[in-house]
Full PDB file with SEQRES, HELIX, SHEET, SSBOND, CRYST1, ORIGX, SCALE, CONECT and MASTER records, all heavy atoms in Angstrom:
SEQRES   1 A   36  TYR VAL VAL MET GLU ALA ARG ASN LEU ALA PRO LEU PRO          
SEQRES   2 A   36  GLY ASP VAL ASP PHE THR VAL GLY ALA SER LEU PRO ILE          
SEQRES   3 A   36  SER GLY LEU THR ALA TRP GLN GLY LEU PHE                      
HELIX    1 AA1 ALA A    6  ASN A    8  5                                   3    
HELIX    2 AA2 PHE A   18  SER A   23  1                                   6    
HELIX    3 AA3 PRO A   25  LEU A   35  1                                  11    
CRYST1    1.000    1.000    1.000  90.00  90.00  90.00 P 1           1          
ORIGX1      1.000000  0.000000  0.000000        0.00000                         
ORIGX2      0.000000  1.000000  0.000000        0.00000                         
ORIGX3      0.000000  0.000000  1.000000        0.00000                         
SCALE1      1.000000  0.000000  0.000000        0.00000                         
SCALE2      0.000000  1.000000  0.000000        0.00000                         
SCALE3      0.000000  0.000000  1.000000        0.00000                         
ATOM      1  N   TYR A   1     195.214  55.252  44.929  1.00  0.00           N  
ATOM      2  CA  TYR A   1     196.258  55.882  45.776  1.00  0.00           C  
ATOM      3  C   TYR A   1     197.156  54.817  46.334  1.00  0.00           C  
ATOM      4  O   TYR A   1     196.770  53.678  46.566  1.00  0.00           O  
ATOM      5  CB  TYR A   1     195.601  56.639  46.957  1.00  0.00           C  
ATOM      6  CG  TYR A   1     194.772  57.842  46.489  1.00  0.00           C  
ATOM      7  CD1 TYR A   1     193.433  57.695  46.182  1.00  0.00           C  
ATOM      8  CD2 TYR A   1     195.385  59.116  46.414  1.00  0.00           C  
ATOM      9  CE1 TYR A   1     192.682  58.808  45.769  1.00  0.00           C  
ATOM     10  CE2 TYR A   1     194.627  60.230  45.994  1.00  0.00           C  
ATOM     11  CZ  TYR A   1     193.301  60.076  45.692  1.00  0.00           C  
ATOM     12  OH  TYR A   1     192.560  61.150  45.235  1.00  0.00           O  
ATOM     13  N   VAL A   2     198.408  55.215  46.581  1.00  0.00           N  
ATOM     14  CA  VAL A   2     199.358  54.293  47.176  1.00  0.00           C  
ATOM     15  C   VAL A   2     200.215  55.109  48.160  1.00  0.00           C  
ATOM     16  O   VAL A   2     200.466  56.291  47.971  1.00  0.00           O  
ATOM     17  CB  VAL A   2     200.244  53.591  46.121  1.00  0.00           C  
ATOM     18  CG1 VAL A   2     201.161  54.634  45.421  1.00  0.00           C  
ATOM     19  CG2 VAL A   2     201.106  52.480  46.730  1.00  0.00           C  
ATOM     20  N   VAL A   3     200.646  54.446  49.273  1.00  0.00           N  
ATOM     21  CA  VAL A   3     201.574  55.028  50.184  1.00  0.00           C  
ATOM     22  C   VAL A   3     202.918  54.354  50.034  1.00  0.00           C  
ATOM     23  O   VAL A   3     202.952  53.117  49.969  1.00  0.00           O  
ATOM     24  CB  VAL A   3     201.038  54.963  51.663  1.00  0.00           C  
ATOM     25  CG1 VAL A   3     200.794  53.561  52.120  1.00  0.00           C  
ATOM     26  CG2 VAL A   3     202.043  55.691  52.623  1.00  0.00           C  
ATOM     27  N   MET A   4     203.967  55.113  49.941  1.00  0.00           N  
ATOM     28  CA  MET A   4     205.307  54.484  49.813  1.00  0.00           C  
ATOM     29  C   MET A   4     206.380  55.453  50.342  1.00  0.00           C  
ATOM     30  O   MET A   4     206.103  56.637  50.564  1.00  0.00           O  
ATOM     31  CB  MET A   4     205.542  54.150  48.351  1.00  0.00           C  
ATOM     32  CG  MET A   4     205.391  55.288  47.350  1.00  0.00           C  
ATOM     33  SD  MET A   4     205.409  54.667  45.637  1.00  0.00           S  
ATOM     34  CE  MET A   4     207.097  54.122  45.420  1.00  0.00           C  
ATOM     35  N   GLU A   5     207.538  54.851  50.559  1.00  0.00           N  
ATOM     36  CA  GLU A   5     208.635  55.701  51.048  1.00  0.00           C  
ATOM     37  C   GLU A   5     209.095  56.663  49.961  1.00  0.00           C  
ATOM     38  O   GLU A   5     209.215  56.341  48.784  1.00  0.00           O  
ATOM     39  CB  GLU A   5     209.812  54.819  51.430  1.00  0.00           C  
ATOM     40  CG  GLU A   5     209.613  53.965  52.642  1.00  0.00           C  
ATOM     41  CD  GLU A   5     210.854  53.156  53.010  1.00  0.00           C  
ATOM     42  OE1 GLU A   5     211.710  53.721  53.693  1.00  0.00           O  
ATOM     43  OE2 GLU A   5     210.926  52.031  52.573  1.00  0.00           O  
ATOM     44  N   ALA A   6     209.375  57.901  50.405  1.00  0.00           N  
ATOM     45  CA  ALA A   6     209.774  58.940  49.444  1.00  0.00           C  
ATOM     46  C   ALA A   6     210.997  58.600  48.688  1.00  0.00           C  
ATOM     47  O   ALA A   6     211.121  58.945  47.496  1.00  0.00           O  
ATOM     48  CB  ALA A   6     209.913  60.263  50.197  1.00  0.00           C  
ATOM     49  N   ARG A   7     211.913  57.876  49.314  1.00  0.00           N  
ATOM     50  CA  ARG A   7     213.175  57.539  48.685  1.00  0.00           C  
ATOM     51  C   ARG A   7     213.032  56.604  47.454  1.00  0.00           C  
ATOM     52  O   ARG A   7     213.914  56.457  46.665  1.00  0.00           O  
ATOM     53  CB  ARG A   7     214.145  56.883  49.680  1.00  0.00           C  
ATOM     54  CG  ARG A   7     213.685  55.530  50.203  1.00  0.00           C  
ATOM     55  CD  ARG A   7     214.566  55.027  51.319  1.00  0.00           C  
ATOM     56  NE  ARG A   7     214.122  53.728  51.835  1.00  0.00           N  
ATOM     57  CZ  ARG A   7     214.587  52.598  51.382  1.00  0.00           C  
ATOM     58  NH1 ARG A   7     215.487  52.523  50.468  1.00  0.00           N  
ATOM     59  NH2 ARG A   7     214.132  51.458  51.945  1.00  0.00           N  
ATOM     60  N   ASN A   8     211.839  56.000  47.354  1.00  0.00           N  
ATOM     61  CA  ASN A   8     211.577  55.076  46.217  1.00  0.00           C  
ATOM     62  C   ASN A   8     210.985  55.760  45.016  1.00  0.00           C  
ATOM     63  O   ASN A   8     210.593  55.125  44.052  1.00  0.00           O  
ATOM     64  CB  ASN A   8     210.715  53.936  46.665  1.00  0.00           C  
ATOM     65  CG  ASN A   8     211.347  52.983  47.619  1.00  0.00           C  
ATOM     66  OD1 ASN A   8     212.579  52.861  47.601  1.00  0.00           O  
ATOM     67  ND2 ASN A   8     210.551  52.320  48.448  1.00  0.00           N  
ATOM     68  N   LEU A   9     210.886  57.122  45.119  1.00  0.00           N  
ATOM     69  CA  LEU A   9     210.265  57.878  44.022  1.00  0.00           C  
ATOM     70  C   LEU A   9     211.292  58.850  43.431  1.00  0.00           C  
ATOM     71  O   LEU A   9     212.163  59.364  44.139  1.00  0.00           O  
ATOM     72  CB  LEU A   9     209.082  58.664  44.527  1.00  0.00           C  
ATOM     73  CG  LEU A   9     207.850  57.809  44.923  1.00  0.00           C  
ATOM     74  CD1 LEU A   9     206.908  58.660  45.806  1.00  0.00           C  
ATOM     75  CD2 LEU A   9     207.143  57.331  43.689  1.00  0.00           C  
ATOM     76  N   ALA A  10     211.120  59.177  42.164  1.00  0.00           N  
ATOM     77  CA  ALA A  10     211.949  60.176  41.481  1.00  0.00           C  
ATOM     78  C   ALA A  10     211.010  61.126  40.774  1.00  0.00           C  
ATOM     79  O   ALA A  10     209.878  60.805  40.404  1.00  0.00           O  
ATOM     80  CB  ALA A  10     212.879  59.486  40.456  1.00  0.00           C  
ATOM     81  N   PRO A  11     211.445  62.380  40.567  1.00  0.00           N  
ATOM     82  CA  PRO A  11     210.611  63.362  39.831  1.00  0.00           C  
ATOM     83  C   PRO A  11     210.374  62.883  38.406  1.00  0.00           C  
ATOM     84  O   PRO A  11     211.272  62.347  37.714  1.00  0.00           O  
ATOM     85  CB  PRO A  11     211.452  64.608  39.845  1.00  0.00           C  
ATOM     86  CG  PRO A  11     212.379  64.443  41.008  1.00  0.00           C  
ATOM     87  CD  PRO A  11     212.684  62.987  41.054  1.00  0.00           C  
ATOM     88  N   LEU A  12     209.142  63.016  37.922  1.00  0.00           N  
ATOM     89  CA  LEU A  12     208.803  62.696  36.540  1.00  0.00           C  
ATOM     90  C   LEU A  12     208.654  64.022  35.762  1.00  0.00           C  
ATOM     91  O   LEU A  12     207.731  64.785  36.041  1.00  0.00           O  
ATOM     92  CB  LEU A  12     207.437  61.931  36.452  1.00  0.00           C  
ATOM     93  CG  LEU A  12     207.026  61.472  35.091  1.00  0.00           C  
ATOM     94  CD1 LEU A  12     207.930  60.438  34.510  1.00  0.00           C  
ATOM     95  CD2 LEU A  12     205.596  60.961  35.087  1.00  0.00           C  
ATOM     96  N   PRO A  13     209.493  64.222  34.822  1.00  0.00           N  
ATOM     97  CA  PRO A  13     209.479  65.517  34.051  1.00  0.00           C  
ATOM     98  C   PRO A  13     208.086  65.695  33.390  1.00  0.00           C  
ATOM     99  O   PRO A  13     207.435  64.719  33.014  1.00  0.00           O  
ATOM    100  CB  PRO A  13     210.584  65.338  33.011  1.00  0.00           C  
ATOM    101  CG  PRO A  13     211.516  64.334  33.620  1.00  0.00           C  
ATOM    102  CD  PRO A  13     210.685  63.403  34.400  1.00  0.00           C  
ATOM    103  N   GLY A  14     207.718  66.940  33.244  1.00  0.00           N  
ATOM    104  CA  GLY A  14     206.432  67.265  32.720  1.00  0.00           C  
ATOM    105  C   GLY A  14     206.202  66.850  31.266  1.00  0.00           C  
ATOM    106  O   GLY A  14     205.064  66.727  30.813  1.00  0.00           O  
ATOM    107  N   ASP A  15     207.325  66.637  30.508  1.00  0.00           N  
ATOM    108  CA  ASP A  15     207.177  66.213  29.133  1.00  0.00           C  
ATOM    109  C   ASP A  15     207.181  64.691  28.916  1.00  0.00           C  
ATOM    110  O   ASP A  15     207.261  64.236  27.775  1.00  0.00           O  
ATOM    111  CB  ASP A  15     208.237  66.859  28.247  1.00  0.00           C  
ATOM    112  CG  ASP A  15     209.673  66.604  28.734  1.00  0.00           C  
ATOM    113  OD1 ASP A  15     209.797  65.921  29.798  1.00  0.00           O  
ATOM    114  OD2 ASP A  15     210.625  67.050  28.089  1.00  0.00           O  
ATOM    115  N   VAL A  16     207.120  63.939  30.022  1.00  0.00           N  
ATOM    116  CA  VAL A  16     207.064  62.473  29.934  1.00  0.00           C  
ATOM    117  C   VAL A  16     205.656  62.061  30.389  1.00  0.00           C  
ATOM    118  O   VAL A  16     205.241  62.365  31.509  1.00  0.00           O  
ATOM    119  CB  VAL A  16     208.113  61.823  30.806  1.00  0.00           C  
ATOM    120  CG1 VAL A  16     207.975  60.292  30.745  1.00  0.00           C  
ATOM    121  CG2 VAL A  16     209.525  62.228  30.334  1.00  0.00           C  
ATOM    122  N   ASP A  17     204.950  61.353  29.523  1.00  0.00           N  
ATOM    123  CA  ASP A  17     203.599  60.932  29.836  1.00  0.00           C  
ATOM    124  C   ASP A  17     203.576  59.944  31.005  1.00  0.00           C  
ATOM    125  O   ASP A  17     204.491  59.168  31.229  1.00  0.00           O  
ATOM    126  CB  ASP A  17     202.992  60.236  28.570  1.00  0.00           C  
ATOM    127  CG  ASP A  17     201.547  59.852  28.755  1.00  0.00           C  
ATOM    128  OD1 ASP A  17     200.678  60.716  28.650  1.00  0.00           O  
ATOM    129  OD2 ASP A  17     201.304  58.683  29.072  1.00  0.00           O  
ATOM    130  N   PHE A  18     202.491  60.016  31.790  1.00  0.00           N  
ATOM    131  CA  PHE A  18     202.351  59.136  32.949  1.00  0.00           C  
ATOM    132  C   PHE A  18     202.412  57.649  32.513  1.00  0.00           C  
ATOM    133  O   PHE A  18     202.981  56.821  33.249  1.00  0.00           O  
ATOM    134  CB  PHE A  18     201.022  59.427  33.674  1.00  0.00           C  
ATOM    135  CG  PHE A  18     201.026  60.677  34.501  1.00  0.00           C  
ATOM    136  CD1 PHE A  18     200.217  61.713  34.172  1.00  0.00           C  
ATOM    137  CD2 PHE A  18     201.868  60.772  35.621  1.00  0.00           C  
ATOM    138  CE1 PHE A  18     200.224  62.882  34.944  1.00  0.00           C  
ATOM    139  CE2 PHE A  18     201.842  61.939  36.398  1.00  0.00           C  
ATOM    140  CZ  PHE A  18     201.028  62.997  36.063  1.00  0.00           C  
ATOM    141  N   THR A  19     201.860  57.321  31.358  1.00  0.00           N  
ATOM    142  CA  THR A  19     201.906  55.921  30.917  1.00  0.00           C  
ATOM    143  C   THR A  19     203.295  55.465  30.708  1.00  0.00           C  
ATOM    144  O   THR A  19     203.698  54.348  31.094  1.00  0.00           O  
ATOM    145  CB  THR A  19     201.050  55.740  29.618  1.00  0.00           C  
ATOM    146  OG1 THR A  19     199.723  56.184  29.867  1.00  0.00           O  
ATOM    147  CG2 THR A  19     201.069  54.338  29.167  1.00  0.00           C  
ATOM    148  N   VAL A  20     204.113  56.316  30.059  1.00  0.00           N  
ATOM    149  CA  VAL A  20     205.507  55.989  29.832  1.00  0.00           C  
ATOM    150  C   VAL A  20     206.241  55.901  31.174  1.00  0.00           C  
ATOM    151  O   VAL A  20     207.006  54.969  31.397  1.00  0.00           O  
ATOM    152  CB  VAL A  20     206.148  57.063  28.953  1.00  0.00           C  
ATOM    153  CG1 VAL A  20     207.683  56.847  28.846  1.00  0.00           C  
ATOM    154  CG2 VAL A  20     205.586  57.002  27.558  1.00  0.00           C  
ATOM    155  N   GLY A  21     205.991  56.843  32.076  1.00  0.00           N  
ATOM    156  CA  GLY A  21     206.653  56.798  33.385  1.00  0.00           C  
ATOM    157  C   GLY A  21     206.434  55.534  34.165  1.00  0.00           C  
ATOM    158  O   GLY A  21     207.328  54.974  34.792  1.00  0.00           O  
ATOM    159  N   ALA A  22     205.207  55.009  34.082  1.00  0.00           N  
ATOM    160  CA  ALA A  22     204.881  53.810  34.809  1.00  0.00           C  
ATOM    161  C   ALA A  22     205.492  52.542  34.185  1.00  0.00           C  
ATOM    162  O   ALA A  22     205.628  51.524  34.885  1.00  0.00           O  
ATOM    163  CB  ALA A  22     203.359  53.596  34.889  1.00  0.00           C  
ATOM    164  N   SER A  23     205.927  52.620  32.941  1.00  0.00           N  
ATOM    165  CA  SER A  23     206.496  51.475  32.294  1.00  0.00           C  
ATOM    166  C   SER A  23     208.021  51.356  32.579  1.00  0.00           C  
ATOM    167  O   SER A  23     208.662  50.369  32.185  1.00  0.00           O  
ATOM    168  CB  SER A  23     206.287  51.540  30.806  1.00  0.00           C  
ATOM    169  OG  SER A  23     207.101  52.567  30.172  1.00  0.00           O  
ATOM    170  N   LEU A  24     208.638  52.358  33.190  1.00  0.00           N  
ATOM    171  CA  LEU A  24     210.130  52.396  33.260  1.00  0.00           C  
ATOM    172  C   LEU A  24     210.746  51.758  34.553  1.00  0.00           C  
ATOM    173  O   LEU A  24     211.837  51.201  34.422  1.00  0.00           O  
ATOM    174  CB  LEU A  24     210.503  53.893  33.248  1.00  0.00           C  
ATOM    175  CG  LEU A  24     210.316  54.636  31.933  1.00  0.00           C  
ATOM    176  CD1 LEU A  24     210.676  56.093  32.099  1.00  0.00           C  
ATOM    177  CD2 LEU A  24     211.152  53.995  30.810  1.00  0.00           C  
ATOM    178  N   PRO A  25     210.077  51.816  35.716  1.00  0.00           N  
ATOM    179  CA  PRO A  25     210.875  51.435  36.893  1.00  0.00           C  
ATOM    180  C   PRO A  25     211.429  50.027  36.878  1.00  0.00           C  
ATOM    181  O   PRO A  25     212.686  49.836  37.076  1.00  0.00           O  
ATOM    182  CB  PRO A  25     209.879  51.643  38.042  1.00  0.00           C  
ATOM    183  CG  PRO A  25     208.995  52.732  37.547  1.00  0.00           C  
ATOM    184  CD  PRO A  25     208.869  52.446  36.098  1.00  0.00           C  
ATOM    185  N   ILE A  26     210.643  48.988  36.740  1.00  0.00           N  
ATOM    186  CA  ILE A  26     211.201  47.604  36.784  1.00  0.00           C  
ATOM    187  C   ILE A  26     212.040  47.313  35.596  1.00  0.00           C  
ATOM    188  O   ILE A  26     213.175  46.826  35.686  1.00  0.00           O  
ATOM    189  CB  ILE A  26     210.044  46.574  36.954  1.00  0.00           C  
ATOM    190  CG1 ILE A  26     209.520  46.648  38.412  1.00  0.00           C  
ATOM    191  CG2 ILE A  26     210.598  45.170  36.667  1.00  0.00           C  
ATOM    192  CD1 ILE A  26     208.410  45.641  38.669  1.00  0.00           C  
ATOM    193  N   SER A  27     211.553  47.578  34.377  1.00  0.00           N  
ATOM    194  CA  SER A  27     212.347  47.285  33.172  1.00  0.00           C  
ATOM    195  C   SER A  27     213.622  48.098  33.134  1.00  0.00           C  
ATOM    196  O   SER A  27     214.708  47.534  32.858  1.00  0.00           O  
ATOM    197  CB  SER A  27     211.478  47.587  31.949  1.00  0.00           C  
ATOM    198  OG  SER A  27     210.317  46.762  31.916  1.00  0.00           O  
ATOM    199  N   GLY A  28     213.491  49.388  33.392  1.00  0.00           N  
ATOM    200  CA  GLY A  28     214.707  50.257  33.285  1.00  0.00           C  
ATOM    201  C   GLY A  28     215.708  49.968  34.373  1.00  0.00           C  
ATOM    202  O   GLY A  28     216.930  49.825  34.072  1.00  0.00           O  
ATOM    203  N   LEU A  29     215.268  49.863  35.611  1.00  0.00           N  
ATOM    204  CA  LEU A  29     216.209  49.626  36.711  1.00  0.00           C  
ATOM    205  C   LEU A  29     216.842  48.251  36.588  1.00  0.00           C  
ATOM    206  O   LEU A  29     218.019  48.005  36.908  1.00  0.00           O  
ATOM    207  CB  LEU A  29     215.546  49.766  38.068  1.00  0.00           C  
ATOM    208  CG  LEU A  29     215.146  51.211  38.455  1.00  0.00           C  
ATOM    209  CD1 LEU A  29     214.318  51.188  39.711  1.00  0.00           C  
ATOM    210  CD2 LEU A  29     216.393  52.078  38.639  1.00  0.00           C  
ATOM    211  N   THR A  30     216.070  47.203  36.206  1.00  0.00           N  
ATOM    212  CA  THR A  30     216.610  45.868  36.019  1.00  0.00           C  
ATOM    213  C   THR A  30     217.683  45.846  34.996  1.00  0.00           C  
ATOM    214  O   THR A  30     218.778  45.303  35.170  1.00  0.00           O  
ATOM    215  CB  THR A  30     215.512  44.875  35.613  1.00  0.00           C  
ATOM    216  OG1 THR A  30     214.497  44.805  36.654  1.00  0.00           O  
ATOM    217  CG2 THR A  30     216.046  43.504  35.406  1.00  0.00           C  
ATOM    218  N   ALA A  31     217.440  46.501  33.822  1.00  0.00           N  
ATOM    219  CA  ALA A  31     218.424  46.574  32.784  1.00  0.00           C  
ATOM    220  C   ALA A  31     219.693  47.364  33.243  1.00  0.00           C  
ATOM    221  O   ALA A  31     220.823  46.878  33.037  1.00  0.00           O  
ATOM    222  CB  ALA A  31     217.797  47.234  31.543  1.00  0.00           C  
ATOM    223  N   TRP A  32     219.456  48.487  33.844  1.00  0.00           N  
ATOM    224  CA  TRP A  32     220.594  49.301  34.289  1.00  0.00           C  
ATOM    225  C   TRP A  32     221.462  48.579  35.307  1.00  0.00           C  
ATOM    226  O   TRP A  32     222.686  48.534  35.199  1.00  0.00           O  
ATOM    227  CB  TRP A  32     220.075  50.587  34.928  1.00  0.00           C  
ATOM    228  CG  TRP A  32     221.112  51.619  35.209  1.00  0.00           C  
ATOM    229  CD1 TRP A  32     221.982  51.670  36.261  1.00  0.00           C  
ATOM    230  CD2 TRP A  32     221.454  52.754  34.409  1.00  0.00           C  
ATOM    231  NE1 TRP A  32     222.806  52.722  36.193  1.00  0.00           N  
ATOM    232  CE2 TRP A  32     222.519  53.440  35.048  1.00  0.00           C  
ATOM    233  CE3 TRP A  32     220.945  53.288  33.219  1.00  0.00           C  
ATOM    234  CZ2 TRP A  32     223.089  54.623  34.598  1.00  0.00           C  
ATOM    235  CZ3 TRP A  32     221.502  54.487  32.719  1.00  0.00           C  
ATOM    236  CH2 TRP A  32     222.569  55.099  33.389  1.00  0.00           C  
ATOM    237  N   GLN A  33     220.831  47.982  36.361  1.00  0.00           N  
ATOM    238  CA  GLN A  33     221.616  47.376  37.380  1.00  0.00           C  
ATOM    239  C   GLN A  33     222.295  46.089  36.851  1.00  0.00           C  
ATOM    240  O   GLN A  33     223.430  45.780  37.273  1.00  0.00           O  
ATOM    241  CB  GLN A  33     220.696  47.061  38.582  1.00  0.00           C  
ATOM    242  CG  GLN A  33     220.280  48.338  39.303  1.00  0.00           C  
ATOM    243  CD  GLN A  33     219.124  48.165  40.258  1.00  0.00           C  
ATOM    244  OE1 GLN A  33     218.827  47.057  40.671  1.00  0.00           O  
ATOM    245  NE2 GLN A  33     218.506  49.268  40.643  1.00  0.00           N  
ATOM    246  N   GLY A  34     221.593  45.320  36.014  1.00  0.00           N  
ATOM    247  CA  GLY A  34     222.209  44.098  35.493  1.00  0.00           C  
ATOM    248  C   GLY A  34     223.397  44.373  34.592  1.00  0.00           C  
ATOM    249  O   GLY A  34     224.400  43.663  34.676  1.00  0.00           O  
ATOM    250  N   LEU A  35     223.271  45.423  33.786  1.00  0.00           N  
ATOM    251  CA  LEU A  35     224.364  45.718  32.856  1.00  0.00           C  
ATOM    252  C   LEU A  35     225.540  46.379  33.523  1.00  0.00           C  
ATOM    253  O   LEU A  35     226.705  45.979  33.345  1.00  0.00           O  
ATOM    254  CB  LEU A  35     223.813  46.628  31.720  1.00  0.00           C  
ATOM    255  CG  LEU A  35     222.932  46.026  30.707  1.00  0.00           C  
ATOM    256  CD1 LEU A  35     222.326  47.138  29.808  1.00  0.00           C  
ATOM    257  CD2 LEU A  35     223.675  44.961  29.825  1.00  0.00           C  
ATOM    258  N   PHE A  36     225.252  47.425  34.346  1.00  0.00           N  
ATOM    259  CA  PHE A  36     226.309  48.268  34.796  1.00  0.00           C  
ATOM    260  C   PHE A  36     226.814  47.953  36.242  1.00  0.00           C  
ATOM    261  O   PHE A  36     228.002  48.079  36.500  1.00  0.00           O  
ATOM    262  CB  PHE A  36     225.901  49.744  34.685  1.00  0.00           C  
ATOM    263  CG  PHE A  36     225.448  50.034  33.301  1.00  0.00           C  
ATOM    264  CD1 PHE A  36     224.155  50.612  33.081  1.00  0.00           C  
ATOM    265  CD2 PHE A  36     226.248  49.826  32.234  1.00  0.00           C  
ATOM    266  CE1 PHE A  36     223.757  50.958  31.768  1.00  0.00           C  
ATOM    267  CE2 PHE A  36     225.865  50.135  30.913  1.00  0.00           C  
ATOM    268  CZ  PHE A  36     224.623  50.700  30.690  1.00  0.00           C  
TER     269      PHE A  36                                                      
MASTER        0    0    0    3    0    0    0    6  268    1    0    3          
END                                                                             
């Protein structure tokens, strides 16, 4: 279990596996923010 601020979370669609979801935040956000 983890406690965190709600604003740091986004809904995970039901058709996306939890393993995939956990792999996205740092890699995805780093790429998005660095590029755009």
